[in-house]
PDB file of N, CA and C in Angstrom:
ATOM      1  N   MET A   1       0.830  -1.175   0.000  1.00  0.00           N
ATOM      2  CA  MET A   1       0.000   0.000   0.000  1.00  0.00           C
ATOM      3  C   MET A   1       0.880   1.245   0.000  1.00  0.00           C
ATOM      4  N   ALA A   2       0.599   2.188  -0.850  1.00  0.00           N
ATOM      5  CA  ALA A   2       1.387   3.404  -0.978  1.00  0.00           C
ATOM      6  C   ALA A   2       1.155   4.334   0.215  1.00  0.00           C
ATOM      7  N   THR A   3       2.196   5.064   0.560  1.00  0.00           N
ATOM      8  CA  THR A   3       2.100   6.047   1.634  1.00  0.00           C
ATOM      9  C   THR A   3       1.412   7.292   1.079  1.00  0.00           C
ATOM     10  N   THR A   4       0.421   7.784   1.799  1.00  0.00           N
ATOM     11  CA  THR A   4      -0.342   8.941   1.327  1.00  0.00           C
ATOM     12  C   THR A   4       0.307  10.244   1.787  1.00  0.00           C
ATOM     13  N   GLU A   5      -0.050  11.334   1.138  1.00  0.00           N
ATOM     14  CA  GLU A   5       0.425  12.657   1.537  1.00  0.00           C
ATOM     15  C   GLU A   5      -0.020  12.971   2.968  1.00  0.00           C
ATOM     16  N   ALA A   6      -1.226  12.545   3.326  1.00  0.00           N
ATOM     17  CA  ALA A   6      -1.730  12.784   4.680  1.00  0.00           C
ATOM     18  C   ALA A   6      -0.859  12.062   5.713  1.00  0.00           C
ATOM     19  N   GLN A   7      -0.434  10.847   5.416  1.00  0.00           N
ATOM     20  CA  GLN A   7       0.429  10.103   6.334  1.00  0.00           C
ATOM     21  C   GLN A   7       1.793  10.783   6.462  1.00  0.00           C
ATOM     22  N   ILE A   8       2.320  11.231   5.347  1.00  0.00           N
ATOM     23  CA  ILE A   8       3.609  11.929   5.367  1.00  0.00           C
ATOM     24  C   ILE A   8       3.500  13.194   6.215  1.00  0.00           C
ATOM     25  N   GLU A   9       2.450  13.953   6.019  1.00  0.00           N
ATOM     26  CA  GLU A   9       2.265  15.181   6.789  1.00  0.00           C
ATOM     27  C   GLU A   9       2.071  14.893   8.268  1.00  0.00           C
ATOM     28  N   ARG A  10       1.374  13.821   8.598  1.00  0.00           N
ATOM     29  CA  ARG A  10       1.171  13.461  10.001  1.00  0.00           C
ATOM     30  C   ARG A  10       2.500  13.111  10.660  1.00  0.00           C
ATOM     31  N   VAL A  11       3.332  12.356   9.979  1.00  0.00           N
ATOM     32  CA  VAL A  11       4.649  12.019  10.521  1.00  0.00           C
ATOM     33  C   VAL A  11       5.465  13.299  10.702  1.00  0.00           C
ATOM     34  N   ARG A  12       5.430  14.175   9.731  1.00  0.00           N
ATOM     35  CA  ARG A  12       6.154  15.452   9.837  1.00  0.00           C
ATOM     36  C   ARG A  12       5.661  16.258  11.043  1.00  0.00           C
ATOM     37  N   GLU A  13       4.370  16.320  11.260  1.00  0.00           N
ATOM     38  CA  GLU A  13       3.802  17.041  12.406  1.00  0.00           C
ATOM     39  C   GLU A  13       4.286  16.443  13.722  1.00  0.00           C
ATOM     40  N   LEU A  14       4.283  15.125  13.800  1.00  0.00           N
ATOM     41  CA  LEU A  14       4.705  14.456  15.027  1.00  0.00           C
ATOM     42  C   LEU A  14       6.175  14.701  15.319  1.00  0.00           C
ATOM     43  N   VAL A  15       7.023  14.578  14.313  1.00  0.00           N
ATOM     44  CA  VAL A  15       8.457  14.813  14.515  1.00  0.00           C
ATOM     45  C   VAL A  15       8.691  16.268  14.926  1.00  0.00           C
ATOM     46  N   ALA A  16       8.005  17.190  14.294  1.00  0.00           N
ATOM     47  CA  ALA A  16       8.153  18.609  14.630  1.00  0.00           C
ATOM     48  C   ALA A  16       7.710  18.908  16.062  1.00  0.00           C
ATOM     49  N   ALA A  17       6.829  18.092  16.612  1.00  0.00           N
ATOM     50  CA  ALA A  17       6.295  18.318  17.964  1.00  0.00           C
ATOM     51  C   ALA A  17       7.223  17.831  19.076  1.00  0.00           C
ATOM     52  N   ILE A  18       8.254  17.067  18.749  1.00  0.00           N
ATOM     53  CA  ILE A  18       9.164  16.547  19.775  1.00  0.00           C
ATOM     54  C   ILE A  18      10.020  17.710  20.267  1.00  0.00           C
ATOM     55  N   PRO A  19       9.926  18.036  21.558  1.00  0.00           N
ATOM     56  CA  PRO A  19      10.667  19.191  22.075  1.00  0.00           C
ATOM     57  C   PRO A  19      12.158  18.903  22.266  1.00  0.00           C
ATOM     58  N   PRO A  20      12.962  19.945  22.353  1.00  0.00           N
ATOM     59  CA  PRO A  20      14.398  19.761  22.612  1.00  0.00           C
ATOM     60  C   PRO A  20      14.622  18.949  23.881  1.00  0.00           C
ATOM     61  N   GLY A  21      15.614  18.060  23.817  1.00  0.00           N
ATOM     62  CA  GLY A  21      15.947  17.219  24.958  1.00  0.00           C
ATOM     63  C   GLY A  21      15.099  15.974  25.089  1.00  0.00           C
ATOM     64  N   ARG A  22      14.135  15.816  24.227  1.00  0.00           N
ATOM     65  CA  ARG A  22      13.260  14.644  24.239  1.00  0.00           C
ATOM     66  C   ARG A  22      13.428  13.902  22.917  1.00  0.00           C
ATOM     67  N   VAL A  23      13.028  12.636  22.882  1.00  0.00           N
ATOM     68  CA  VAL A  23      13.147  11.810  21.685  1.00  0.00           C
ATOM     69  C   VAL A  23      11.910  10.936  21.523  1.00  0.00           C
ATOM     70  N   ALA A  24      11.782  10.362  20.348  1.00  0.00           N
ATOM     71  CA  ALA A  24      10.765   9.354  20.067  1.00  0.00           C
ATOM     72  C   ALA A  24      11.404   8.291  19.191  1.00  0.00           C
ATOM     73  N   THR A  25      10.860   7.098  19.249  1.00  0.00           N
ATOM     74  CA  THR A  25      11.350   6.039  18.379  1.00  0.00           C
ATOM     75  C   THR A  25      10.511   6.019  17.102  1.00  0.00           C
ATOM     76  N   TYR A  26      11.036   5.359  16.106  1.00  0.00           N
ATOM     77  CA  TYR A  26      10.276   5.200  14.862  1.00  0.00           C
ATOM     78  C   TYR A  26       8.947   4.527  15.158  1.00  0.00           C
ATOM     79  N   GLY A  27       8.961   3.565  16.073  1.00  0.00           N
ATOM     80  CA  GLY A  27       7.737   2.867  16.458  1.00  0.00           C
ATOM     81  C   GLY A  27       6.740   3.765  17.168  1.00  0.00           C
ATOM     82  N   ASP A  28       7.240   4.654  18.037  1.00  0.00           N
ATOM     83  CA  ASP A  28       6.357   5.607  18.713  1.00  0.00           C
ATOM     84  C   ASP A  28       5.607   6.459  17.696  1.00  0.00           C
ATOM     85  N   ILE A  29       6.348   6.931  16.710  1.00  0.00           N
ATOM     86  CA  ILE A  29       5.760   7.806  15.691  1.00  0.00           C
ATOM     87  C   ILE A  29       4.784   7.026  14.826  1.00  0.00           C
ATOM     88  N   ALA A  30       5.155   5.805  14.461  1.00  0.00           N
ATOM     89  CA  ALA A  30       4.250   4.966  13.664  1.00  0.00           C
ATOM     90  C   ALA A  30       2.934   4.743  14.404  1.00  0.00           C
ATOM     91  N   ALA A  31       3.022   4.451  15.693  1.00  0.00           N
ATOM     92  CA  ALA A  31       1.801   4.224  16.483  1.00  0.00           C
ATOM     93  C   ALA A  31       0.955   5.493  16.551  1.00  0.00           C
ATOM     94  N   ALA A  32       1.586   6.630  16.797  1.00  0.00           N
ATOM     95  CA  ALA A  32       0.848   7.889  16.913  1.00  0.00           C
ATOM     96  C   ALA A  32       0.222   8.305  15.581  1.00  0.00           C
ATOM     97  N   ALA A  33       0.838   7.884  14.479  1.00  0.00           N
ATOM     98  CA  ALA A  33       0.335   8.233  13.140  1.00  0.00           C
ATOM     99  C   ALA A  33      -0.572   7.152  12.565  1.00  0.00           C
ATOM    100  N   ASN A  34      -0.814   6.093  13.339  1.00  0.00           N
ATOM    101  CA  ASN A  34      -1.627   4.960  12.874  1.00  0.00           C
ATOM    102  C   ASN A  34      -1.064   4.316  11.610  1.00  0.00           C
ATOM    103  N   LEU A  35       0.248   4.165  11.581  1.00  0.00           N
ATOM    104  CA  LEU A  35       0.899   3.479  10.466  1.00  0.00           C
ATOM    105  C   LEU A  35       1.144   2.027  10.862  1.00  0.00           C
ATOM    106  N   SER A  36       1.199   1.154   9.895  1.00  0.00           N
ATOM    107  CA  SER A  36       1.330  -0.275  10.190  1.00  0.00           C
ATOM    108  C   SER A  36       2.748  -0.683  10.585  1.00  0.00           C
ATOM    109  N   THR A  37       3.752   0.115  10.249  1.00  0.00           N
ATOM    110  CA  THR A  37       5.128  -0.281  10.535  1.00  0.00           C
ATOM    111  C   THR A  37       6.035   0.929  10.744  1.00  0.00           C
ATOM    112  N   PRO A  38       7.011   0.816  11.641  1.00  0.00           N
ATOM    113  CA  PRO A  38       7.986   1.890  11.828  1.00  0.00           C
ATOM    114  C   PRO A  38       8.840   2.129  10.576  1.00  0.00           C
ATOM    115  N   ARG A  39       8.930   1.144   9.724  1.00  0.00           N
ATOM    116  CA  ARG A  39       9.721   1.305   8.496  1.00  0.00           C
ATOM    117  C   ARG A  39       9.183   2.429   7.611  1.00  0.00           C
ATOM    118  N   THR A  40       7.874   2.637   7.656  1.00  0.00           N
ATOM    119  CA  THR A  40       7.288   3.731   6.884  1.00  0.00           C
ATOM    120  C   THR A  40       7.795   5.068   7.412  1.00  0.00           C
ATOM    121  N   VAL A  41       7.897   5.181   8.724  1.00  0.00           N
ATOM    122  CA  VAL A  41       8.443   6.402   9.322  1.00  0.00           C
ATOM    123  C   VAL A  41       9.887   6.588   8.876  1.00  0.00           C
ATOM    124  N   GLY A  42      10.657   5.520   8.888  1.00  0.00           N
ATOM    125  CA  GLY A  42      12.040   5.586   8.431  1.00  0.00           C
ATOM    126  C   GLY A  42      12.139   6.061   6.997  1.00  0.00           C
ATOM    127  N   TRP A  43      11.282   5.547   6.132  1.00  0.00           N
ATOM    128  CA  TRP A  43      11.280   5.960   4.738  1.00  0.00           C
ATOM    129  C   TRP A  43      10.953   7.445   4.625  1.00  0.00           C
ATOM    130  N   ILE A  44       9.949   7.896   5.349  1.00  0.00           N
ATOM    131  CA  ILE A  44       9.572   9.309   5.308  1.00  0.00           C
ATOM    132  C   ILE A  44      10.723  10.171   5.819  1.00  0.00           C
ATOM    133  N   MET A  45      11.343   9.752   6.898  1.00  0.00           N
ATOM    134  CA  MET A  45      12.456  10.522   7.456  1.00  0.00           C
ATOM    135  C   MET A  45      13.638  10.585   6.491  1.00  0.00           C
ATOM    136  N   ARG A  46      13.882   9.524   5.757  1.00  0.00           N
ATOM    137  CA  ARG A  46      14.978   9.534   4.780  1.00  0.00           C
ATOM    138  C   ARG A  46      14.695  10.458   3.613  1.00  0.00           C
ATOM    139  N   THR A  47      13.430  10.607   3.259  1.00  0.00           N
ATOM    140  CA  THR A  47      13.104  11.350   2.040  1.00  0.00           C
ATOM    141  C   THR A  47      12.578  12.755   2.278  1.00  0.00           C
ATOM    142  N   ASP A  48      12.145  13.066   3.526  1.00  0.00           N
ATOM    143  CA  ASP A  48      11.459  14.353   3.717  1.00  0.00           C
ATOM    144  C   ASP A  48      11.625  14.871   5.143  1.00  0.00           C
ATOM    145  N   SER A  49      12.876  15.045   5.603  1.00  0.00           N
ATOM    146  CA  SER A  49      13.037  15.502   6.980  1.00  0.00           C
ATOM    147  C   SER A  49      14.106  16.575   7.156  1.00  0.00           C
ATOM    148  N   ALA A  50      14.583  17.133   6.080  1.00  0.00           N
ATOM    149  CA  ALA A  50      15.677  18.103   6.184  1.00  0.00           C
ATOM    150  C   ALA A  50      15.324  19.282   7.083  1.00  0.00           C
ATOM    151  N   ASP A  51      14.070  19.691   7.110  1.00  0.00           N
ATOM    152  CA  ASP A  51      13.664  20.844   7.914  1.00  0.00           C
ATOM    153  C   ASP A  51      13.076  20.451   9.265  1.00  0.00           C
ATOM    154  N   LEU A  52      13.237  19.205   9.640  1.00  0.00           N
ATOM    155  CA  LEU A  52      12.681  18.698  10.903  1.00  0.00           C
ATOM    156  C   LEU A  52      13.794  18.376  11.898  1.00  0.00           C
ATOM    157  N   PRO A  53      13.472  18.259  13.190  1.00  0.00           N
ATOM    158  CA  PRO A  53      14.469  17.833  14.173  1.00  0.00           C
ATOM    159  C   PRO A  53      14.698  16.317  14.092  1.00  0.00           C
ATOM    160  N   TRP A  54      15.232  15.883  12.970  1.00  0.00           N
ATOM    161  CA  TRP A  54      15.439  14.466  12.666  1.00  0.00           C
ATOM    162  C   TRP A  54      16.246  13.762  13.753  1.00  0.00           C
ATOM    163  N   HIS A  55      17.127  14.506  14.417  1.00  0.00           N
ATOM    164  CA  HIS A  55      18.010  13.901  15.413  1.00  0.00           C
ATOM    165  C   HIS A  55      17.254  13.419  16.649  1.00  0.00           C
ATOM    166  N   ARG A  56      15.995  13.790  16.796  1.00  0.00           N
ATOM    167  CA  ARG A  56      15.187  13.366  17.948  1.00  0.00           C
ATOM    168  C   ARG A  56      14.437  12.062  17.700  1.00  0.00           C
ATOM    169  N   VAL A  57      14.701  11.409  16.578  1.00  0.00           N
ATOM    170  CA  VAL A  57      14.045  10.140  16.245  1.00  0.00           C
ATOM    171  C   VAL A  57      15.102   9.033  16.242  1.00  0.00           C
ATOM    172  N   LEU A  58      14.828   7.991  17.036  1.00  0.00           N
ATOM    173  CA  LEU A  58      15.799   6.927  17.257  1.00  0.00           C
ATOM    174  C   LEU A  58      15.211   5.544  17.021  1.00  0.00           C
ATOM    175  N   ARG A  59      16.102   4.575  17.004  1.00  0.00           N
ATOM    176  CA  ARG A  59      15.667   3.182  16.951  1.00  0.00           C
ATOM    177  C   ARG A  59      15.071   2.778  18.287  1.00  0.00           C
ATOM    178  N   ALA A  60      14.417   1.652  18.327  1.00  0.00           N
ATOM    179  CA  ALA A  60      13.702   1.189  19.525  1.00  0.00           C
ATOM    180  C   ALA A  60      14.611   0.964  20.729  1.00  0.00           C
ATOM    181  N   ASP A  61      15.903   0.743  20.490  1.00  0.00           N
ATOM    182  CA  ASP A  61      16.827   0.522  21.610  1.00  0.00           C
ATOM    183  C   ASP A  61      17.471   1.814  22.105  1.00  0.00           C
ATOM    184  N   GLY A  62      17.067   2.948  21.556  1.00  0.00           N
ATOM    185  CA  GLY A  62      17.607   4.230  21.979  1.00  0.00           C
ATOM    186  C   GLY A  62      18.892   4.634  21.280  1.00  0.00           C
ATOM    187  N   ARG A  63      19.319   3.827  20.325  1.00  0.00           N
ATOM    188  CA  ARG A  63      20.552   4.140  19.588  1.00  0.00           C
ATOM    189  C   ARG A  63      20.208   4.801  18.253  1.00  0.00           C
ATOM    190  N   PRO A  64      21.075   5.697  17.819  1.00  0.00           N
ATOM    191  CA  PRO A  64      20.892   6.269  16.487  1.00  0.00           C
ATOM    192  C   PRO A  64      21.384   5.292  15.421  1.00  0.00           C
ATOM    193  N   ALA A  65      21.031   5.570  14.199  1.00  0.00           N
ATOM    194  CA  ALA A  65      21.568   4.772  13.091  1.00  0.00           C
ATOM    195  C   ALA A  65      23.084   4.953  13.085  1.00  0.00           C
ATOM    196  N   PRO A  66      23.837   3.884  12.828  1.00  0.00           N
ATOM    197  CA  PRO A  66      25.302   3.976  12.895  1.00  0.00           C
ATOM    198  C   PRO A  66      25.909   5.103  12.049  1.00  0.00           C
ATOM    199  N   HIS A  67      25.369   5.346  10.872  1.00  0.00           N
ATOM    200  CA  HIS A  67      25.945   6.382  10.010  1.00  0.00           C
ATOM    201  C   HIS A  67      25.642   7.802  10.486  1.00  0.00           C
ATOM    202  N   LEU A  68      24.739   7.953  11.451  1.00  0.00           N
ATOM    203  CA  LEU A  68      24.390   9.269  11.991  1.00  0.00           C
ATOM    204  C   LEU A  68      24.820   9.440  13.441  1.00  0.00           C
ATOM    205  N   ALA A  69      25.367   8.396  14.051  1.00  0.00           N
ATOM    206  CA  ALA A  69      25.568   8.355  15.502  1.00  0.00           C
ATOM    207  C   ALA A  69      26.294   9.573  16.060  1.00  0.00           C
ATOM    208  N   GLY A  70      27.432   9.913  15.521  1.00  0.00           N
ATOM    209  CA  GLY A  70      28.206  11.026  16.071  1.00  0.00           C
ATOM    210  C   GLY A  70      27.448  12.337  16.033  1.00  0.00           C
ATOM    211  N   ARG A  71      26.921  12.652  14.883  1.00  0.00           N
ATOM    212  CA  ARG A  71      26.185  13.912  14.706  1.00  0.00           C
ATOM    213  C   ARG A  71      24.913  13.936  15.549  1.00  0.00           C
ATOM    214  N   GLN A  72      24.188  12.826  15.547  1.00  0.00           N
ATOM    215  CA  GLN A  72      22.913  12.762  16.252  1.00  0.00           C
ATOM    216  C   GLN A  72      23.120  12.843  17.769  1.00  0.00           C
ATOM    217  N   LEU A  73      24.040  12.072  18.307  1.00  0.00           N
ATOM    218  CA  LEU A  73      24.282  12.089  19.745  1.00  0.00           C
ATOM    219  C   LEU A  73      24.821  13.441  20.200  1.00  0.00           C
ATOM    220  N   SER A  74      25.624  14.072  19.375  1.00  0.00           N
ATOM    221  CA  SER A  74      26.147  15.397  19.702  1.00  0.00           C
ATOM    222  C   SER A  74      25.016  16.417  19.816  1.00  0.00           C
ATOM    223  N   ARG A  75      24.111  16.395  18.867  1.00  0.00           N
ATOM    224  CA  ARG A  75      22.972  17.319  18.902  1.00  0.00           C
ATOM    225  C   ARG A  75      22.078  17.058  20.109  1.00  0.00           C
ATOM    226  N   LEU A  76      21.823  15.778  20.393  1.00  0.00           N
ATOM    227  CA  LEU A  76      20.980  15.432  21.533  1.00  0.00           C
ATOM    228  C   LEU A  76      21.635  15.832  22.855  1.00  0.00           C
ATOM    229  N   ALA A  77      22.937  15.601  22.971  1.00  0.00           N
ATOM    230  CA  ALA A  77      23.656  15.986  24.186  1.00  0.00           C
ATOM    231  C   ALA A  77      23.586  17.498  24.392  1.00  0.00           C
ATOM    232  N   ALA A  78      23.713  18.256  23.318  1.00  0.00           N
ATOM    233  CA  ALA A  78      23.639  19.719  23.410  1.00  0.00           C
ATOM    234  C   ALA A  78      22.268  20.185  23.906  1.00  0.00           C
ATOM    235  N   GLU A  79      21.242  19.377  23.668  1.00  0.00           N
ATOM    236  CA  GLU A  79      19.891  19.702  24.130  1.00  0.00           C
ATOM    237  C   GLU A  79      19.619  19.200  25.551  1.00  0.00           C
ATOM    238  N   GLY A  80      20.599  18.522  26.143  1.00  0.00           N
ATOM    239  CA  GLY A  80      20.433  18.010  27.500  1.00  0.00           C
ATOM    240  C   GLY A  80      19.792  16.645  27.581  1.00  0.00           C
ATOM    241  N   CYS A  81      19.774  15.935  26.485  1.00  0.00           N
ATOM    242  CA  CYS A  81      19.173  14.597  26.444  1.00  0.00           C
ATOM    243  C   CYS A  81      20.092  13.615  27.189  1.00  0.00           C
ATOM    244  N   PRO A  82      19.539  12.774  28.068  1.00  0.00           N
ATOM    245  CA  PRO A  82      20.376  11.825  28.814  1.00  0.00           C
ATOM    246  C   PRO A  82      20.898  10.696  27.918  1.00  0.00           C
ATOM    247  N   ILE A  83      22.214  10.595  27.842  1.00  0.00           N
ATOM    248  CA  ILE A  83      22.867   9.597  26.988  1.00  0.00           C
ATOM    249  C   ILE A  83      23.819   8.767  27.844  1.00  0.00           C
ATOM    250  N   VAL A  84      23.697   7.452  27.725  1.00  0.00           N
ATOM    251  CA  VAL A  84      24.556   6.525  28.447  1.00  0.00           C
ATOM    252  C   VAL A  84      25.058   5.490  27.451  1.00  0.00           C
ATOM    253  N   ASP A  85      26.379   5.358  27.346  1.00  0.00           N
ATOM    254  CA  ASP A  85      26.986   4.371  26.446  1.00  0.00           C
ATOM    255  C   ASP A  85      26.463   4.491  25.016  1.00  0.00           C
ATOM    256  N   ASP A  86      26.460   5.688  24.474  1.00  0.00           N
ATOM    257  CA  ASP A  86      26.029   5.951  23.090  1.00  0.00           C
ATOM    258  C   ASP A  86      24.583   5.552  22.824  1.00  0.00           C
ATOM    259  N   ARG A  87      23.779   5.620  23.873  1.00  0.00           N
ATOM    260  CA  ARG A  87      22.357   5.289  23.763  1.00  0.00           C
ATOM    261  C   ARG A  87      21.580   6.298  24.598  1.00  0.00           C
ATOM    262  N   VAL A  88      20.461   6.762  24.060  1.00  0.00           N
ATOM    263  CA  VAL A  88      19.608   7.666  24.821  1.00  0.00           C
ATOM    264  C   VAL A  88      18.834   6.864  25.853  1.00  0.00           C
ATOM    265  N   ASP A  89      18.761   7.389  27.052  1.00  0.00           N
ATOM    266  CA  ASP A  89      17.981   6.750  28.110  1.00  0.00           C
ATOM    267  C   ASP A  89      16.506   7.041  27.828  1.00  0.00           C
ATOM    268  N   LEU A  90      15.851   6.107  27.167  1.00  0.00           N
ATOM    269  CA  LEU A  90      14.459   6.309  26.759  1.00  0.00           C
ATOM    270  C   LEU A  90      13.520   6.457  27.950  1.00  0.00           C
ATOM    271  N   SER A  91      13.852   5.848  29.076  1.00  0.00           N
ATOM    272  CA  SER A  91      12.969   5.959  30.242  1.00  0.00           C
ATOM    273  C   SER A  91      12.907   7.395  30.753  1.00  0.00           C
ATOM    274  N   ARG A  92      13.930   8.187  30.461  1.00  0.00           N
ATOM    275  CA  ARG A  92      13.959   9.579  30.902  1.00  0.00           C
ATOM    276  C   ARG A  92      13.671  10.579  29.790  1.00  0.00           C
ATOM    277  N   ALA A  93      13.939  10.207  28.553  1.00  0.00           N
ATOM    278  CA  ALA A  93      13.869  11.194  27.466  1.00  0.00           C
ATOM    279  C   ALA A  93      12.736  10.973  26.471  1.00  0.00           C
ATOM    280  N   ARG A  94      12.040   9.850  26.565  1.00  0.00           N
ATOM    281  CA  ARG A  94      11.003   9.540  25.575  1.00  0.00           C
ATOM    282  C   ARG A  94       9.839  10.511  25.687  1.00  0.00           C
ATOM    283  N   PHE A  95       9.463  11.083  24.553  1.00  0.00           N
ATOM    284  CA  PHE A  95       8.346  12.020  24.485  1.00  0.00           C
ATOM    285  C   PHE A  95       7.041  11.247  24.346  1.00  0.00           C
ATOM    286  N   ASP A  96       6.060  11.619  25.136  1.00  0.00           N
ATOM    287  CA  ASP A  96       4.736  11.000  25.080  1.00  0.00           C
ATOM    288  C   ASP A  96       3.841  11.904  24.249  1.00  0.00           C
ATOM    289  N   PHE A  97       3.522  11.473  23.049  1.00  0.00           N
ATOM    290  CA  PHE A  97       2.723  12.304  22.146  1.00  0.00           C
ATOM    291  C   PHE A  97       1.361  12.645  22.722  1.00  0.00           C
ATOM    292  N   ASP A  98       0.751  11.724  23.448  1.00  0.00           N
ATOM    293  CA  ASP A  98      -0.557  12.008  24.038  1.00  0.00           C
ATOM    294  C   ASP A  98      -0.464  13.101  25.095  1.00  0.00           C
ATOM    295  N   CYS A  99       0.504  12.993  25.991  1.00  0.00           N
ATOM    296  CA  CYS A  99       0.667  14.018  27.027  1.00  0.00           C
ATOM    297  C   CYS A  99       1.098  15.341  26.410  1.00  0.00           C
ATOM    298  N   GLY A 100       1.979  15.291  25.435  1.00  0.00           N
ATOM    299  CA  GLY A 100       2.418  16.512  24.762  1.00  0.00           C
ATOM    300  C   GLY A 100       1.259  17.222  24.095  1.00  0.00           C
ATOM    301  N   ARG A 101       0.383  16.457  23.478  1.00  0.00           N
ATOM    302  CA  ARG A 101      -0.787  17.037  22.813  1.00  0.00           C
ATOM    303  C   ARG A 101      -1.716  17.667  23.842  1.00  0.00           C
ATOM    304  N   ASN A 102      -1.894  16.990  24.981  1.00  0.00           N
ATOM    305  CA  ASN A 102      -2.756  17.522  26.037  1.00  0.00           C
ATOM    306  C   ASN A 102      -2.182  18.810  26.611  1.00  0.00           C
ATOM    307  N   GLU A 103      -0.842  18.859  26.798  1.00  0.00           N
ATOM    308  CA  GLU A 103      -0.220  20.076  27.308  1.00  0.00           C
ATOM    309  C   GLU A 103      -0.397  21.231  26.335  1.00  0.00           C
ATOM    310  N   LEU A 104      -0.233  20.946  25.052  1.00  0.00           N
ATOM    311  CA  LEU A 104      -0.384  21.997  24.043  1.00  0.00           C
ATOM    312  C   LEU A 104      -1.815  22.495  23.991  1.00  0.00           C
ATOM    313  N   ASN A 105      -2.766  21.603  24.113  1.00  0.00           N
ATOM    314  CA  ASN A 105      -4.177  21.998  24.017  1.00  0.00           C
ATOM    315  C   ASN A 105      -4.698  22.674  25.274  1.00  0.00           C
ATOM    316  N   SER A 106      -4.041  22.457  26.422  1.00  0.00           N
ATOM    317  CA  SER A 106      -4.550  23.033  27.660  1.00  0.00           C
ATOM    318  C   SER A 106      -4.055  24.459  27.888  1.00  0.00           C
ATOM    319  N   GLY A 107      -3.030  24.894  27.131  1.00  0.00           N
ATOM    320  CA  GLY A 107      -2.451  26.223  27.349  1.00  0.00           C
ATOM    321  C   GLY A 107      -3.186  27.244  26.632  1.00  0.00           C
TER     322      GLY A 107
END
């Protein structure tokens, strides 16, 4: 099944909503966007994320992709993201899209 423009825009909105110092996994974004697989998020991020905080999206184990590791971890560290052994501590840094949405809507 082809990825729709609406799905691409939804993923872009979700990635843009991740605040500095926080992260989300490809799976988190897929679930929030009602996509069937995190791979779709990966494809969208590879093709349409130059203007997004791409560095805030990680693999399920909290590690960046090997080819981006240095740059990505450096950017996350500068934002105050907790990093241990080249891995983001997801228990402390994972962004909850539902809570984030509620905070945005309540202000």
